[in-house]
C-alpha atoms as a PDB file:
ATOM      1  CA  MET A   1     222.459 145.006 126.913  1.00  0.00           C
ATOM      2  CA  HIS A   2     221.169 144.662 130.142  1.00  0.00           C
ATOM      3  CA  THR A   3     218.280 146.953 131.253  1.00  0.00           C
ATOM      4  CA  ALA A   4     216.869 147.318 134.835  1.00  0.00           C
ATOM      5  CA  PRO A   5     213.258 145.907 135.975  1.00  0.00           C
ATOM      6  CA  ALA A   6     210.442 148.770 136.021  1.00  0.00           C
ATOM      7  CA  PRO A   7     209.748 149.852 139.457  1.00  0.00           C
ATOM      8  CA  SER A   8     206.951 148.144 141.223  1.00  0.00           C
ATOM      9  CA  ARG A   9     203.914 149.709 142.045  1.00  0.00           C
ATOM     10  CA  ARG A  10     202.765 146.741 143.974  1.00  0.00           C
ATOM     11  CA  LYS A  11     204.359 147.514 147.481  1.00  0.00           C
ATOM     12  CA  PRO A  12     202.132 150.563 148.253  1.00  0.00           C
ATOM     13  CA  ARG A  13     199.070 148.388 147.693  1.00  0.00           C
ATOM     14  CA  VAL A  14     200.065 145.344 149.848  1.00  0.00           C
ATOM     15  CA  LEU A  15     201.130 148.231 152.484  1.00  0.00           C
ATOM     16  CA  ILE A  16     197.688 150.009 152.394  1.00  0.00           C
ATOM     17  CA  ALA A  17     195.861 146.591 152.439  1.00  0.00           C
ATOM     18  CA  ALA A  18     198.257 145.359 155.435  1.00  0.00           C
ATOM     19  CA  CYS A  19     197.409 148.391 157.409  1.00  0.00           C
ATOM     20  CA  THR A  20     193.802 148.344 156.818  1.00  0.00           C
ATOM     21  CA  ALA A  21     193.820 144.807 157.864  1.00  0.00           C
ATOM     22  CA  LEU A  22     195.444 145.762 160.927  1.00  0.00           C
ATOM     23  CA  LEU A  23     193.276 148.971 161.882  1.00  0.00           C
ATOM     24  CA  LEU A  24     190.134 146.386 161.327  1.00  0.00           C
ATOM     25  CA  SER A  25     191.147 143.528 163.486  1.00  0.00           C
ATOM     26  CA  ALA A  26     192.654 146.041 166.474  1.00  0.00           C
ATOM     27  CA  THR A  27     189.348 148.050 166.494  1.00  0.00           C
ATOM     28  CA  GLY A  28     186.997 144.717 166.286  1.00  0.00           C
ATOM     29  CA  VAL A  29     185.159 146.231 163.690  1.00  0.00           C
ATOM     30  CA  GLY A  30     185.231 143.576 161.014  1.00  0.00           C
ATOM     31  CA  ALA A  31     184.613 140.939 163.918  1.00  0.00           C
ATOM     32  CA  ALA A  32     181.524 142.569 165.241  1.00  0.00           C
ATOM     33  CA  ASN A  33     179.965 142.957 161.842  1.00  0.00           C
ATOM     34  CA  ALA A  34     180.779 139.357 160.914  1.00  0.00           C
ATOM     35  CA  VAL A  35     178.737 138.091 164.232  1.00  0.00           C
ATOM     36  CA  THR A  36     175.360 140.100 163.640  1.00  0.00           C
ATOM     37  CA  THR A  37     175.123 140.019 159.766  1.00  0.00           C
ATOM     38  CA  LYS A  38     176.636 136.764 158.566  1.00  0.00           C
ATOM     39  CA  ALA A  39     174.628 133.604 159.570  1.00  0.00           C
ATOM     40  CA  ALA A  40     177.207 131.135 161.366  1.00  0.00           C
ATOM     41  CA  THR A  41     176.955 127.089 161.485  1.00  0.00           C
ATOM     42  CA  SER A  42     178.499 125.056 164.391  1.00  0.00           C
ATOM     43  CA  PRO A  43     180.453 122.265 164.048  1.00  0.00           C
ATOM     44  CA  ALA A  44     177.920 118.975 164.856  1.00  0.00           C
ATOM     45  CA  GLU A  45     178.505 118.050 168.731  1.00  0.00           C
ATOM     46  CA  GLY A  46     177.337 115.158 170.511  1.00  0.00           C
ATOM     47  CA  ARG A  47     176.471 113.915 174.002  1.00  0.00           C
ATOM     48  CA  GLN A  48     175.357 110.702 175.632  1.00  0.00           C
ATOM     49  CA  THR A  49     173.364 110.352 178.941  1.00  0.00           C
ATOM     50  CA  SER A  50     172.184 107.713 180.852  1.00  0.00           C
ATOM     51  CA  PHE A  51     168.272 107.672 182.024  1.00  0.00           C
ATOM     52  CA  ARG A  52     166.173 105.568 184.002  1.00  0.00           C
ATOM     53  CA  ASP A  53     162.287 105.841 184.513  1.00  0.00           C
ATOM     54  CA  THR A  54     159.162 103.650 184.725  1.00  0.00           C
ATOM     55  CA  ALA A  55     156.931 103.264 181.651  1.00  0.00           C
ATOM     56  CA  PHE A  56     153.424 101.376 181.162  1.00  0.00           C
ATOM     57  CA  ALA A  57     153.570  98.665 178.571  1.00  0.00           C
ATOM     58  CA  VAL A  58     150.019  98.691 176.936  1.00  0.00           C
ATOM     59  CA  GLU A  59     150.679  95.251 175.405  1.00  0.00           C
ATOM     60  CA  SER A  60     151.127  93.570 178.868  1.00  0.00           C
ATOM     61  CA  GLU A  61     149.140  95.871 181.016  1.00  0.00           C
ATOM     62  CA  GLU A  62     152.330  96.087 183.260  1.00  0.00           C
ATOM     63  CA  ASP A  63     154.519  99.007 184.087  1.00  0.00           C
ATOM     64  CA  VAL A  64     158.176  98.606 183.076  1.00  0.00           C
ATOM     65  CA  ASP A  65     161.284  99.818 184.596  1.00  0.00           C
ATOM     66  CA  ILE A  66     163.462 101.255 181.942  1.00  0.00           C
ATOM     67  CA  SER A  67     167.136 102.260 181.864  1.00  0.00           C
ATOM     68  CA  GLY A  68     169.423 103.077 178.786  1.00  0.00           C
ATOM     69  CA  ARG A  69     171.461 105.920 176.975  1.00  0.00           C
ATOM     70  CA  LEU A  70     170.350 108.267 174.798  1.00  0.00           C
ATOM     71  CA  HIS A  71     172.897 109.377 172.001  1.00  0.00           C
ATOM     72  CA  VAL A  72     172.228 113.051 170.686  1.00  0.00           C
ATOM     73  CA  VAL A  73     174.103 115.051 167.696  1.00  0.00           C
ATOM     74  CA  VAL A  74     173.118 118.790 167.401  1.00  0.00           C
ATOM     75  CA  GLN A  75     174.305 121.412 165.002  1.00  0.00           C
ATOM     76  CA  VAL A  76     172.984 125.013 165.461  1.00  0.00           C
ATOM     77  CA  SER A  77     172.833 127.560 162.402  1.00  0.00           C
ATOM     78  CA  GLY A  78     171.873 131.125 162.483  1.00  0.00           C
ATOM     79  CA  SER A  79     172.690 134.204 164.318  1.00  0.00           C
ATOM     80  CA  GLU A  80     171.471 136.359 167.435  1.00  0.00           C
ATOM     81  CA  SER A  81     169.693 138.612 165.346  1.00  0.00           C
ATOM     82  CA  SER A  82     167.970 136.615 163.127  1.00  0.00           C
ATOM     83  CA  GLY A  83     167.054 133.305 165.245  1.00  0.00           C
ATOM     84  CA  TRP A  84     168.731 130.010 165.352  1.00  0.00           C
ATOM     85  CA  THR A  85     167.954 126.377 164.073  1.00  0.00           C
ATOM     86  CA  LEU A  86     168.828 123.521 165.949  1.00  0.00           C
ATOM     87  CA  ASP A  87     169.198 120.133 163.748  1.00  0.00           C
ATOM     88  CA  TRP A  88     169.108 117.154 165.899  1.00  0.00           C
ATOM     89  CA  HIS A  89     169.965 113.233 165.421  1.00  0.00           C
ATOM     90  CA  ALA A  90     169.133 111.010 168.500  1.00  0.00           C
ATOM     91  CA  ASN A  91     169.105 107.289 169.076  1.00  0.00           C
ATOM     92  CA  LEU A  92     168.692 104.787 171.925  1.00  0.00           C
ATOM     93  CA  ASP A  93     171.693 102.819 173.021  1.00  0.00           C
ATOM     94  CA  ASN A  94     171.569  99.685 175.177  1.00  0.00           C
ATOM     95  CA  THR A  95     168.186 100.520 176.414  1.00  0.00           C
ATOM     96  CA  THR A  96     166.498  97.749 178.404  1.00  0.00           C
ATOM     97  CA  GLY A  97     163.150  97.263 180.717  1.00  0.00           C
ATOM     98  CA  ILE A  98     162.005  95.016 183.291  1.00  0.00           C
ATOM     99  CA  GLY A  99     158.326  94.173 183.690  1.00  0.00           C
ATOM    100  CA  GLN A 100     157.453  94.689 187.343  1.00  0.00           C
ATOM    101  CA  ALA A 101     154.772  92.071 187.329  1.00  0.00           C
ATOM    102  CA  THR A 102     156.308  89.618 185.056  1.00  0.00           C
ATOM    103  CA  GLY A 103     160.261  90.188 185.394  1.00  0.00           C
ATOM    104  CA  ASP A 104     159.693  89.906 181.511  1.00  0.00           C
ATOM    105  CA  ARG A 105     162.633  91.750 179.509  1.00  0.00           C
ATOM    106  CA  TYR A 106     161.703  94.520 177.160  1.00  0.00           C
ATOM    107  CA  LEU A 107     164.201  96.160 174.801  1.00  0.00           C
ATOM    108  CA  GLY A 108     163.936  99.913 173.797  1.00  0.00           C
ATOM    109  CA  ARG A 109     164.890 100.847 170.269  1.00  0.00           C
ATOM    110  CA  GLY A 110     164.579 103.639 167.637  1.00  0.00           C
ATOM    111  CA  ALA A 111     166.162 106.848 166.374  1.00  0.00           C
ATOM    112  CA  GLY A 112     164.901 110.241 165.174  1.00  0.00           C
ATOM    113  CA  ARG A 113     165.901 113.343 163.803  1.00  0.00           C
ATOM    114  CA  GLY A 114     164.384 116.894 163.510  1.00  0.00           C
ATOM    115  CA  ALA A 115     165.029 120.420 163.932  1.00  0.00           C
ATOM    116  CA  VAL A 116     163.791 122.979 166.843  1.00  0.00           C
ATOM    117  CA  THR A 117     163.634 126.917 165.816  1.00  0.00           C
ATOM    118  CA  HIS A 118     165.040 129.362 168.319  1.00  0.00           C
ATOM    119  CA  PRO A 119     164.172 133.133 168.271  1.00  0.00           C
ATOM    120  CA  PRO A 120     166.805 135.885 167.951  1.00  0.00           C
ATOM    121  CA  SER A 121     168.447 136.294 171.303  1.00  0.00           C
ATOM    122  CA  PRO A 122     171.615 134.101 172.572  1.00  0.00           C
ATOM    123  CA  ILE A 123     170.955 130.617 172.634  1.00  0.00           C
ATOM    124  CA  ARG A 124     171.221 128.943 176.082  1.00  0.00           C
ATOM    125  CA  SER A 125     169.183 125.616 175.828  1.00  0.00           C
ATOM    126  CA  ALA A 126     166.758 123.881 173.449  1.00  0.00           C
ATOM    127  CA  THR A 127     164.365 121.024 174.316  1.00  0.00           C
ATOM    128  CA  PHE A 128     162.853 118.769 171.984  1.00  0.00           C
ATOM    129  CA  GLU A 129     160.262 115.536 172.027  1.00  0.00           C
ATOM    130  CA  LEU A 130     161.696 112.015 171.112  1.00  0.00           C
ATOM    131  CA  THR A 131     159.449 109.335 170.479  1.00  0.00           C
ATOM    132  CA  PHE A 132     161.012 105.515 170.581  1.00  0.00           C
ATOM    133  CA  THR A 133     159.600 101.930 170.427  1.00  0.00           C
ATOM    134  CA  LEU A 134     159.477  99.490 173.918  1.00  0.00           C
ATOM    135  CA  PHE A 135     159.414  95.935 172.466  1.00  0.00           C
ATOM    136  CA  PRO A 136     158.020  93.341 174.550  1.00  0.00           C
ATOM    137  CA  PRO A 137     159.857  90.019 175.334  1.00  0.00           C
ATOM    138  CA  VAL A 138     156.763  87.956 172.562  1.00  0.00           C
ATOM    139  CA  PRO A 139     155.780  89.558 169.444  1.00  0.00           C
ATOM    140  CA  PRO A 140     152.874  92.049 170.593  1.00  0.00           C
ATOM    141  CA  VAL A 141     149.110  91.842 169.583  1.00  0.00           C
ATOM    142  CA  HIS A 142     148.919  95.452 169.562  1.00  0.00           C
ATOM    143  CA  PRO A 143     151.798  97.672 168.160  1.00  0.00           C
ATOM    144  CA  PRO A 144     154.327  98.073 170.716  1.00  0.00           C
ATOM    145  CA  SER A 145     154.316 100.591 173.106  1.00  0.00           C
ATOM    146  CA  PRO A 146     156.201 104.078 172.653  1.00  0.00           C
ATOM    147  CA  ILE A 147     158.784 105.478 174.847  1.00  0.00           C
ATOM    148  CA  ARG A 148     158.247 109.256 174.885  1.00  0.00           C
ATOM    149  CA  LEU A 149     161.535 111.154 175.889  1.00  0.00           C
ATOM    150  CA  SER A 150     162.216 114.755 176.380  1.00  0.00           C
ATOM    151  CA  ALA A 151     165.614 115.826 175.419  1.00  0.00           C
ATOM    152  CA  SER A 152     167.191 119.260 176.814  1.00  0.00           C
ATOM    153  CA  VAL A 153     170.316 120.281 175.424  1.00  0.00           C
ATOM    154  CA  VAL A 154     172.339 123.260 177.288  1.00  0.00           C
ATOM    155  CA  PHE A 155     174.582 125.702 175.808  1.00  0.00           C
ATOM    156  CA  GLU A 156     178.024 127.424 177.306  1.00  0.00           C
ATOM    157  CA  GLU A 157     177.923 131.491 176.449  1.00  0.00           C
ATOM    158  CA  ASN A 158     180.433 130.728 173.599  1.00  0.00           C
ATOM    159  CA  GLY A 159     177.733 128.393 172.010  1.00  0.00           C
ATOM    160  CA  ARG A 160     179.481 124.972 172.578  1.00  0.00           C
ATOM    161  CA  LEU A 161     177.323 121.971 173.720  1.00  0.00           C
ATOM    162  CA  SER A 162     177.879 121.653 177.393  1.00  0.00           C
ATOM    163  CA  GLY A 163     175.300 118.922 178.391  1.00  0.00           C
ATOM    164  CA  LEU A 164     172.446 117.139 177.788  1.00  0.00           C
ATOM    165  CA  GLU A 165     169.686 116.004 180.064  1.00  0.00           C
ATOM    166  CA  VAL A 166     166.833 113.503 179.472  1.00  0.00           C
ATOM    167  CA  ARG A 167     163.101 112.552 181.175  1.00  0.00           C
ATOM    168  CA  LEU A 168     160.414 110.640 180.151  1.00  0.00           C
ATOM    169  CA  GLY A 169     158.172 112.977 178.325  1.00  0.00           C
ATOM    170  CA  GLN A 170     155.016 114.455 179.285  1.00  0.00           C
ATOM    171  CA  ALA A 171     152.685 112.433 177.112  1.00  0.00           C
ATOM    172  CA  PRO A 172     151.096 109.648 178.399  1.00  0.00           C
ATOM    173  CA  ILE A 173     153.139 106.471 178.303  1.00  0.00           C
ATOM    174  CA  GLY A 174     151.310 103.159 176.830  1.00  0.00           C
ATOM    175  CA  SER A 175     149.140 105.081 174.344  1.00  0.00           C
ATOM    176  CA  VAL A 176     149.123 103.707 170.968  1.00  0.00           C
ATOM    177  CA  ASP A 177     149.967 105.977 168.154  1.00  0.00           C
END
């Protein structure tokens, strides 16, 4: 003898859940609350830019024309209501210099990481300072001169990284740390 299966009570529950989800997505209520109440973390994004400037090398007492590239990777976490943290990692790439008085070739090297905080509001840009090393052509008597750079990252309205600007930092170049 074959008995008929009992009627399912799941169908009304599934229908109610589907209607609720459709209503929330159509009104935007769920999405709006998610942005302001839950912290978000963006995927890590990187940019590379060239720079050219002049620094003073203490150990050889000469100005050095420096050119190279700075590679920066950033990741942003936080929200407009609680503030943001921008974690960064940066390194010099193919950075060299030529001494104006001697014609000697210098080499820029280094990498660094850090974090910058941003107050509650939309994040559009952030700036951080970096220090790398300028190695002279012969072993120095003093510690090698630092290269201080100021990096600014710029974000689009949707929070995506859109640009990187770099310039020689405001700290006096050639001072020994």
